[in-house]
C-alpha atoms as a PDB file:
ATOM      1  CA  MET A   1     112.366  -7.574  -1.710  1.00  0.00           C
ATOM      2  CA  ASN A   2     109.611  -5.058  -1.082  1.00  0.00           C
ATOM      3  CA  ASN A   3     108.346  -3.385  -4.269  1.00  0.00           C
ATOM      4  CA  GLN A   4     105.728  -1.286  -2.535  1.00  0.00           C
ATOM      5  CA  LYS A   5     105.972   2.460  -2.555  1.00  0.00           C
ATOM      6  CA  PRO A   6     106.704   3.872   0.906  1.00  0.00           C
ATOM      7  CA  THR A   7     103.657   5.480   2.434  1.00  0.00           C
ATOM      8  CA  THR A   8     103.473   8.739   4.286  1.00  0.00           C
ATOM      9  CA  PRO A   9     102.045   8.492   7.812  1.00  0.00           C
ATOM     10  CA  PRO A  10      98.479   9.903   7.920  1.00  0.00           C
ATOM     11  CA  ALA A  11      99.333  12.765  10.288  1.00  0.00           C
ATOM     12  CA  ARG A  12     102.234  13.890   8.105  1.00  0.00           C
ATOM     13  CA  SER A  13     100.130  13.531   4.974  1.00  0.00           C
ATOM     14  CA  THR A  14      97.419  15.760   6.458  1.00  0.00           C
ATOM     15  CA  ALA A  15     100.005  18.327   7.528  1.00  0.00           C
ATOM     16  CA  LEU A  16     101.498  18.367   4.022  1.00  0.00           C
ATOM     17  CA  ARG A  17      98.063  18.826   2.471  1.00  0.00           C
ATOM     18  CA  ILE A  18      97.263  21.715   4.803  1.00  0.00           C
ATOM     19  CA  ALA A  19     100.638  23.251   3.955  1.00  0.00           C
ATOM     20  CA  ALA A  20      99.872  22.845   0.242  1.00  0.00           C
ATOM     21  CA  VAL A  21      96.547  24.669   0.707  1.00  0.00           C
ATOM     22  CA  ALA A  22      98.292  27.495   2.570  1.00  0.00           C
ATOM     23  CA  VAL A  23     101.045  27.883  -0.026  1.00  0.00           C
ATOM     24  CA  LEU A  24      98.602  27.728  -2.936  1.00  0.00           C
ATOM     25  CA  ALA A  25      96.275  30.251  -1.258  1.00  0.00           C
ATOM     26  CA  ALA A  26      99.243  32.600  -0.833  1.00  0.00           C
ATOM     27  CA  VAL A  27     100.304  32.115  -4.463  1.00  0.00           C
ATOM     28  CA  THR A  28      96.722  32.744  -5.573  1.00  0.00           C
ATOM     29  CA  ALA A  29      96.579  35.947  -3.519  1.00  0.00           C
ATOM     30  CA  VAL A  30      99.888  37.180  -4.937  1.00  0.00           C
ATOM     31  CA  LEU A  31      98.898  36.400  -8.533  1.00  0.00           C
ATOM     32  CA  THR A  32      95.596  38.177  -7.922  1.00  0.00           C
ATOM     33  CA  LEU A  33      97.161  41.275  -6.369  1.00  0.00           C
ATOM     34  CA  ILE A  34     100.398  41.970  -8.152  1.00  0.00           C
ATOM     35  CA  PRO A  35     100.071  41.618 -11.929  1.00  0.00           C
ATOM     36  CA  LYS A  36      96.625  43.227 -12.037  1.00  0.00           C
ATOM     37  CA  ILE A  37      95.289  45.467 -14.762  1.00  0.00           C
ATOM     38  CA  GLN A  38      92.838  48.119 -13.536  1.00  0.00           C
ATOM     39  CA  ILE A  39      89.690  48.433 -15.640  1.00  0.00           C
ATOM     40  CA  PRO A  40      87.885  51.665 -14.695  1.00  0.00           C
ATOM     41  CA  SER A  41      84.875  51.020 -16.936  1.00  0.00           C
ATOM     42  CA  ALA A  42      84.209  47.751 -15.103  1.00  0.00           C
ATOM     43  CA  GLN A  43      85.092  49.145 -11.658  1.00  0.00           C
ATOM     44  CA  GLY A  44      87.596  46.343 -11.107  1.00  0.00           C
ATOM     45  CA  TYR A  45      90.662  44.615 -12.484  1.00  0.00           C
ATOM     46  CA  ILE A  46      91.807  41.489 -14.274  1.00  0.00           C
ATOM     47  CA  HIS A  47      94.564  39.349 -12.817  1.00  0.00           C
ATOM     48  CA  LEU A  48      96.419  36.039 -13.026  1.00  0.00           C
ATOM     49  CA  GLY A  49      94.859  34.455  -9.938  1.00  0.00           C
ATOM     50  CA  ASP A  50      92.920  32.072 -12.185  1.00  0.00           C
ATOM     51  CA  VAL A  51      96.233  30.509 -13.246  1.00  0.00           C
ATOM     52  CA  ALA A  52      96.718  29.337  -9.660  1.00  0.00           C
ATOM     53  CA  VAL A  53      93.120  28.109  -9.379  1.00  0.00           C
ATOM     54  CA  VAL A  54      93.378  26.068 -12.604  1.00  0.00           C
ATOM     55  CA  PHE A  55      96.802  24.744 -11.576  1.00  0.00           C
ATOM     56  CA  ALA A  56      95.578  23.770  -8.097  1.00  0.00           C
ATOM     57  CA  GLY A  57      92.523  21.988  -9.482  1.00  0.00           C
ATOM     58  CA  LEU A  58      94.502  20.005 -12.038  1.00  0.00           C
ATOM     59  CA  VAL A  59      97.444  19.113  -9.792  1.00  0.00           C
ATOM     60  CA  PHE A  60      96.161  19.057  -6.219  1.00  0.00           C
ATOM     61  CA  GLY A  61      92.523  18.116  -6.697  1.00  0.00           C
ATOM     62  CA  PRO A  62      89.124  19.595  -5.955  1.00  0.00           C
ATOM     63  CA  PHE A  63      89.261  20.339  -2.247  1.00  0.00           C
ATOM     64  CA  THR A  64      92.723  21.887  -2.233  1.00  0.00           C
ATOM     65  CA  ALA A  65      91.740  24.022  -5.235  1.00  0.00           C
ATOM     66  CA  MET A  66      88.461  25.026  -3.602  1.00  0.00           C
ATOM     67  CA  LEU A  67      90.186  26.198  -0.434  1.00  0.00           C
ATOM     68  CA  ALA A  68      93.210  27.770  -2.126  1.00  0.00           C
ATOM     69  CA  GLY A  69      91.143  29.526  -4.791  1.00  0.00           C
ATOM     70  CA  GLY A  70      88.529  30.794  -2.369  1.00  0.00           C
ATOM     71  CA  LEU A  71      90.883  31.856   0.409  1.00  0.00           C
ATOM     72  CA  GLY A  72      93.534  33.313  -1.906  1.00  0.00           C
ATOM     73  CA  THR A  73      91.224  35.505  -3.963  1.00  0.00           C
ATOM     74  CA  ALA A  74      89.211  36.621  -0.934  1.00  0.00           C
ATOM     75  CA  ALA A  75      92.443  37.590   0.836  1.00  0.00           C
ATOM     76  CA  ALA A  76      93.536  39.536  -2.250  1.00  0.00           C
ATOM     77  CA  ASP A  77      90.225  41.403  -2.291  1.00  0.00           C
ATOM     78  CA  LEU A  78      90.578  42.284   1.387  1.00  0.00           C
ATOM     79  CA  LEU A  79      94.185  43.410   0.981  1.00  0.00           C
ATOM     80  CA  GLY A  80      93.598  45.181  -2.330  1.00  0.00           C
ATOM     81  CA  GLY A  81      90.721  47.419  -1.296  1.00  0.00           C
ATOM     82  CA  TYR A  82      87.862  45.365  -2.730  1.00  0.00           C
ATOM     83  CA  ALA A  83      86.474  43.992   0.544  1.00  0.00           C
ATOM     84  CA  GLN A  84      82.914  44.032  -0.807  1.00  0.00           C
ATOM     85  CA  TRP A  85      83.982  41.387  -3.334  1.00  0.00           C
ATOM     86  CA  ALA A  86      85.738  39.064  -0.843  1.00  0.00           C
ATOM     87  CA  PRO A  87      82.721  36.841  -0.046  1.00  0.00           C
ATOM     88  CA  ILE A  88      81.856  36.565  -3.730  1.00  0.00           C
ATOM     89  CA  SER A  89      85.454  35.750  -4.669  1.00  0.00           C
ATOM     90  CA  PHE A  90      85.624  33.153  -1.906  1.00  0.00           C
ATOM     91  CA  VAL A  91      82.547  31.344  -3.221  1.00  0.00           C
ATOM     92  CA  VAL A  92      83.107  31.840  -6.958  1.00  0.00           C
ATOM     93  CA  HIS A  93      86.785  30.899  -7.127  1.00  0.00           C
ATOM     94  CA  GLY A  94      86.221  28.153  -4.572  1.00  0.00           C
ATOM     95  CA  LEU A  95      83.538  26.610  -6.797  1.00  0.00           C
ATOM     96  CA  GLN A  96      85.748  27.167  -9.842  1.00  0.00           C
ATOM     97  CA  GLY A  97      88.603  25.190  -8.267  1.00  0.00           C
ATOM     98  CA  LEU A  98      86.253  22.491  -6.980  1.00  0.00           C
ATOM     99  CA  ALA A  99      84.703  21.962 -10.419  1.00  0.00           C
ATOM    100  CA  ILE A 100      88.073  21.863 -12.188  1.00  0.00           C
ATOM    101  CA  GLY A 101      89.430  19.353  -9.701  1.00  0.00           C
ATOM    102  CA  LEU A 102      86.346  17.123  -9.759  1.00  0.00           C
ATOM    103  CA  LEU A 103      86.159  16.980 -13.541  1.00  0.00           C
ATOM    104  CA  ALA A 104      89.886  16.400 -14.091  1.00  0.00           C
ATOM    105  CA  ARG A 105      90.461  14.034 -11.146  1.00  0.00           C
ATOM    106  CA  PRO A 106      89.532  10.729 -12.852  1.00  0.00           C
ATOM    107  CA  ARG A 107      92.239  11.137 -15.528  1.00  0.00           C
ATOM    108  CA  PRO A 108      95.047  13.426 -14.344  1.00  0.00           C
ATOM    109  CA  GLY A 109      97.272  14.694 -17.132  1.00  0.00           C
ATOM    110  CA  ASN A 110      94.624  14.190 -19.833  1.00  0.00           C
ATOM    111  CA  VAL A 111      94.831  17.417 -21.859  1.00  0.00           C
ATOM    112  CA  PRO A 112      91.332  17.377 -23.423  1.00  0.00           C
ATOM    113  CA  LEU A 113      89.837  16.709 -19.996  1.00  0.00           C
ATOM    114  CA  ALA A 114      91.970  19.484 -18.477  1.00  0.00           C
ATOM    115  CA  ILE A 115      90.697  21.884 -21.148  1.00  0.00           C
ATOM    116  CA  ALA A 116      87.095  20.836 -20.491  1.00  0.00           C
ATOM    117  CA  ALA A 117      87.650  21.297 -16.750  1.00  0.00           C
ATOM    118  CA  ALA A 118      89.136  24.764 -17.281  1.00  0.00           C
ATOM    119  CA  VAL A 119      86.196  25.715 -19.521  1.00  0.00           C
ATOM    120  CA  LEU A 120      83.727  24.533 -16.871  1.00  0.00           C
ATOM    121  CA  GLY A 121      85.638  26.495 -14.229  1.00  0.00           C
ATOM    122  CA  SER A 122      85.582  29.553 -16.480  1.00  0.00           C
ATOM    123  CA  VAL A 123      81.823  29.350 -16.931  1.00  0.00           C
ATOM    124  CA  ILE A 124      81.390  29.107 -13.161  1.00  0.00           C
ATOM    125  CA  MET A 125      83.694  32.078 -12.578  1.00  0.00           C
ATOM    126  CA  VAL A 126      82.090  34.337 -15.202  1.00  0.00           C
ATOM    127  CA  ALA A 127      78.535  33.422 -14.163  1.00  0.00           C
ATOM    128  CA  GLY A 128      79.352  33.760 -10.468  1.00  0.00           C
ATOM    129  CA  TYR A 129      80.855  37.204 -10.870  1.00  0.00           C
ATOM    130  CA  PHE A 130      77.951  38.230 -13.072  1.00  0.00           C
ATOM    131  CA  LEU A 131      75.464  37.296 -10.354  1.00  0.00           C
ATOM    132  CA  GLY A 132      77.586  38.882  -7.624  1.00  0.00           C
ATOM    133  CA  GLY A 133      78.124  41.982  -9.726  1.00  0.00           C
ATOM    134  CA  LEU A 134      74.404  42.490 -10.148  1.00  0.00           C
ATOM    135  CA  VAL A 135      74.154  42.926  -6.383  1.00  0.00           C
ATOM    136  CA  ILE A 136      77.251  45.113  -5.948  1.00  0.00           C
ATOM    137  CA  GLU A 137      77.451  47.167  -9.159  1.00  0.00           C
ATOM    138  CA  GLY A 138      74.194  46.831 -11.042  1.00  0.00           C
ATOM    139  CA  PHE A 139      73.546  45.533 -14.536  1.00  0.00           C
ATOM    140  CA  GLY A 140      75.575  47.967 -16.679  1.00  0.00           C
ATOM    141  CA  ALA A 141      78.942  47.653 -14.947  1.00  0.00           C
ATOM    142  CA  THR A 142      78.439  43.918 -14.520  1.00  0.00           C
ATOM    143  CA  LEU A 143      77.732  43.430 -18.204  1.00  0.00           C
ATOM    144  CA  ARG A 144      80.890  45.408 -19.089  1.00  0.00           C
ATOM    145  CA  SER A 145      82.948  43.095 -16.879  1.00  0.00           C
ATOM    146  CA  VAL A 146      81.938  39.870 -18.677  1.00  0.00           C
ATOM    147  CA  PRO A 147      84.459  40.154 -21.567  1.00  0.00           C
ATOM    148  CA  LEU A 148      87.212  40.991 -19.081  1.00  0.00           C
ATOM    149  CA  ASN A 149      86.330  37.973 -16.957  1.00  0.00           C
ATOM    150  CA  LEU A 150      86.460  35.836 -20.100  1.00  0.00           C
ATOM    151  CA  VAL A 151      89.978  37.133 -20.862  1.00  0.00           C
ATOM    152  CA  GLN A 152      91.020  36.425 -17.283  1.00  0.00           C
ATOM    153  CA  ALA A 153      89.570  32.899 -17.471  1.00  0.00           C
ATOM    154  CA  ALA A 154      91.281  32.217 -20.803  1.00  0.00           C
ATOM    155  CA  ALA A 155      94.629  33.351 -19.393  1.00  0.00           C
ATOM    156  CA  GLY A 156      94.090  31.050 -16.424  1.00  0.00           C
ATOM    157  CA  ALA A 157      93.547  28.080 -18.726  1.00  0.00           C
ATOM    158  CA  VAL A 158      96.265  28.923 -21.260  1.00  0.00           C
ATOM    159  CA  LEU A 159      98.892  29.306 -18.531  1.00  0.00           C
ATOM    160  CA  GLY A 160      97.537  26.941 -15.864  1.00  0.00           C
ATOM    161  CA  ILE A 161      97.135  23.815 -18.010  1.00  0.00           C
ATOM    162  CA  PRO A 162     100.734  23.655 -19.340  1.00  0.00           C
ATOM    163  CA  LEU A 163     102.063  24.555 -15.899  1.00  0.00           C
ATOM    164  CA  SER A 164     100.119  21.687 -14.331  1.00  0.00           C
ATOM    165  CA  ILE A 165     101.363  19.246 -16.974  1.00  0.00           C
ATOM    166  CA  ALA A 166     104.967  20.359 -16.465  1.00  0.00           C
ATOM    167  CA  VAL A 167     104.800  20.089 -12.665  1.00  0.00           C
ATOM    168  CA  ARG A 168     103.146  16.664 -12.763  1.00  0.00           C
ATOM    169  CA  ALA A 169     105.834  15.423 -15.174  1.00  0.00           C
ATOM    170  CA  ALA A 170     108.749  16.947 -13.252  1.00  0.00           C
ATOM    171  CA  TYR A 171     107.547  15.937  -9.807  1.00  0.00           C
ATOM    172  CA  PRO A 172     105.119  12.976  -9.863  1.00  0.00           C
ATOM    173  CA  PRO A 173     104.909  12.690  -6.028  1.00  0.00           C
ATOM    174  CA  VAL A 174     102.903  15.938  -6.021  1.00  0.00           C
ATOM    175  CA  GLN A 175      99.888  13.737  -6.789  1.00  0.00           C
ATOM    176  CA  ASP A 176     100.164  12.321  -3.269  1.00  0.00           C
ATOM    177  CA  LEU A 177      99.113  15.724  -1.926  1.00  0.00           C
ATOM    178  CA  SER A 178      95.812  15.622  -3.809  1.00  0.00           C
ATOM    179  CA  TRP A 179      92.807  16.193  -1.604  1.00  0.00           C
END
């Protein structure tokens, strides 16, 4: 009797991981574009794209989250009329996903570690947009956007952490797609 778990051939595993990145990037773009709240005083908007970045980091790991977060938010900026922000979003949300995935990877499903990872990702996102905003908007508008970025980051954590726990519990093989 063979008690070993069946393994996925390497080529198929790579294809599934690439597909996961593509789907998560699309979900990130949709959550960034559709339920957005325009903030005229900050010359931008808040959105739920961070939910997807947190979820991807906690469920699929650092590299999937980096690619999905960076590509998805940059695509949303390009499609949504904020092309000047696309490179910044690519780097900032990519680093956010990478950090979340790296910190949470050693103990998947550990809630305190997931919270710490989301907080670290939030700090990276807020600081990254602050630095990028200084170049694009100047100090005043950038400073006004900090509280809004904090709200966006908190929503990402509050919704992304329970979602990741639920998906991991309902479908444990998803861990095999971690990259």
